[in-house]
Amino acid sequence: MEKQQKEFVLTKNNQPIREICYQDMYLLNDTFDLIQSWVQSLSVINDFFNNRGVPLNKKKIIR
C-alpha cells in the first residue's frame, strides 16, 4: 500500500500555511456581506460628490 503524503502550501519564508477553519470562513463570509451592504450607499455618495453642476449644501451633506 502506498503512503499518502499531505501537500503543504508554503509562504515566502517556506513556512506552511495553517489550515483554514470554519470560523475563519464564516468571518470572511460576514466581511463580504458587510462590504456588499456598503455598495449602494457608496454609489449614492459618489454620485452626489461627482455632480459638480450643483453647489454643495453643507446642511444636506451633514444629514
C-alpha atoms as a PDB file:
ATOM      1  CA  MET A   1       0.000   0.000   0.000  1.00  0.00           C
ATOM      2  CA  GLU A   2       1.146   3.476  -0.779  1.00  0.00           C
ATOM      3  CA  LYS A   3       1.568   6.045   1.936  1.00  0.00           C
ATOM      4  CA  GLN A   4      -0.448   9.183   1.452  1.00  0.00           C
ATOM      5  CA  GLN A   5       1.515  12.389   1.622  1.00  0.00           C
ATOM      6  CA  LYS A   6      -0.019  15.686   2.595  1.00  0.00           C
ATOM      7  CA  GLU A   7       0.808  18.575   0.353  1.00  0.00           C
ATOM      8  CA  PHE A   8       1.569  21.868   2.013  1.00  0.00           C
ATOM      9  CA  VAL A   9       1.312  25.328   0.569  1.00  0.00           C
ATOM     10  CA  LEU A  10       4.307  27.347   1.663  1.00  0.00           C
ATOM     11  CA  THR A  11       4.708  31.068   2.223  1.00  0.00           C
ATOM     12  CA  LYS A  12       7.646  33.137   1.001  1.00  0.00           C
ATOM     13  CA  ASN A  13       9.619  32.107   4.098  1.00  0.00           C
ATOM     14  CA  ASN A  14       8.910  28.404   3.414  1.00  0.00           C
ATOM     15  CA  GLN A  15       6.518  28.240   6.356  1.00  0.00           C
ATOM     16  CA  PRO A  16       3.450  26.031   5.907  1.00  0.00           C
ATOM     17  CA  ILE A  17       0.143  27.868   5.786  1.00  0.00           C
ATOM     18  CA  ARG A  18      -2.151  26.758   8.565  1.00  0.00           C
ATOM     19  CA  GLU A  19      -5.412  25.056   7.765  1.00  0.00           C
ATOM     20  CA  ILE A  20      -8.430  27.275   7.330  1.00  0.00           C
ATOM     21  CA  CYS A  21     -11.051  26.590   9.977  1.00  0.00           C
ATOM     22  CA  TYR A  22     -14.790  27.102   9.669  1.00  0.00           C
ATOM     23  CA  GLN A  23     -14.617  30.106  11.970  1.00  0.00           C
ATOM     24  CA  ASP A  24     -12.307  31.884   9.514  1.00  0.00           C
ATOM     25  CA  MET A  25     -14.587  31.031   6.593  1.00  0.00           C
ATOM     26  CA  TYR A  26     -17.641  32.400   8.412  1.00  0.00           C
ATOM     27  CA  LEU A  27     -15.718  35.540   9.344  1.00  0.00           C
ATOM     28  CA  LEU A  28     -14.717  36.002   5.705  1.00  0.00           C
ATOM     29  CA  ASN A  29     -18.314  35.488   4.596  1.00  0.00           C
ATOM     30  CA  ASP A  30     -19.518  38.080   7.133  1.00  0.00           C
ATOM     31  CA  THR A  31     -16.874  40.509   5.882  1.00  0.00           C
ATOM     32  CA  PHE A  32     -18.029  40.027   2.279  1.00  0.00           C
ATOM     33  CA  ASP A  33     -21.629  40.643   3.359  1.00  0.00           C
ATOM     34  CA  LEU A  34     -20.592  43.815   5.178  1.00  0.00           C
ATOM     35  CA  ILE A  35     -18.706  45.098   2.134  1.00  0.00           C
ATOM     36  CA  GLN A  36     -21.648  44.232  -0.130  1.00  0.00           C
ATOM     37  CA  SER A  37     -24.010  46.189   2.125  1.00  0.00           C
ATOM     38  CA  TRP A  38     -21.941  49.346   1.534  1.00  0.00           C
ATOM     39  CA  VAL A  39     -22.009  49.167  -2.282  1.00  0.00           C
ATOM     40  CA  GLN A  40     -25.314  51.015  -2.765  1.00  0.00           C
ATOM     41  CA  SER A  41     -24.546  53.679  -0.142  1.00  0.00           C
ATOM     42  CA  LEU A  42     -21.120  54.396  -1.585  1.00  0.00           C
ATOM     43  CA  SER A  43     -22.583  54.617  -5.081  1.00  0.00           C
ATOM     44  CA  VAL A  44     -25.064  57.283  -3.936  1.00  0.00           C
ATOM     45  CA  ILE A  45     -22.308  59.229  -2.156  1.00  0.00           C
ATOM     46  CA  ASN A  46     -20.088  59.003  -5.233  1.00  0.00           C
ATOM     47  CA  ASP A  47     -22.883  60.320  -7.479  1.00  0.00           C
ATOM     48  CA  PHE A  48     -23.569  63.136  -5.017  1.00  0.00           C
ATOM     49  CA  PHE A  49     -19.985  64.389  -4.967  1.00  0.00           C
ATOM     50  CA  ASN A  50     -19.395  63.890  -8.702  1.00  0.00           C
ATOM     51  CA  ASN A  51     -22.286  66.216  -9.579  1.00  0.00           C
ATOM     52  CA  ARG A  52     -20.274  69.444  -9.999  1.00  0.00           C
ATOM     53  CA  GLY A  53     -23.177  71.389 -11.531  1.00  0.00           C
ATOM     54  CA  VAL A  54     -24.961  71.817  -8.210  1.00  0.00           C
ATOM     55  CA  PRO A  55     -23.229  73.731  -5.403  1.00  0.00           C
ATOM     56  CA  LEU A  56     -22.685  71.690  -2.250  1.00  0.00           C
ATOM     57  CA  ASN A  57     -25.150  72.297   0.563  1.00  0.00           C
ATOM     58  CA  LYS A  58     -23.360  71.695   3.868  1.00  0.00           C
ATOM     59  CA  LYS A  59     -26.597  71.020   5.769  1.00  0.00           C
ATOM     60  CA  LYS A  60     -27.622  68.375   3.249  1.00  0.00           C
ATOM     61  CA  ILE A  61     -24.214  66.709   3.468  1.00  0.00           C
ATOM     62  CA  ILE A  62     -24.404  66.582   7.264  1.00  0.00           C
ATOM     63  CA  ARG A  63     -27.803  64.852   7.111  1.00  0.00           C
END
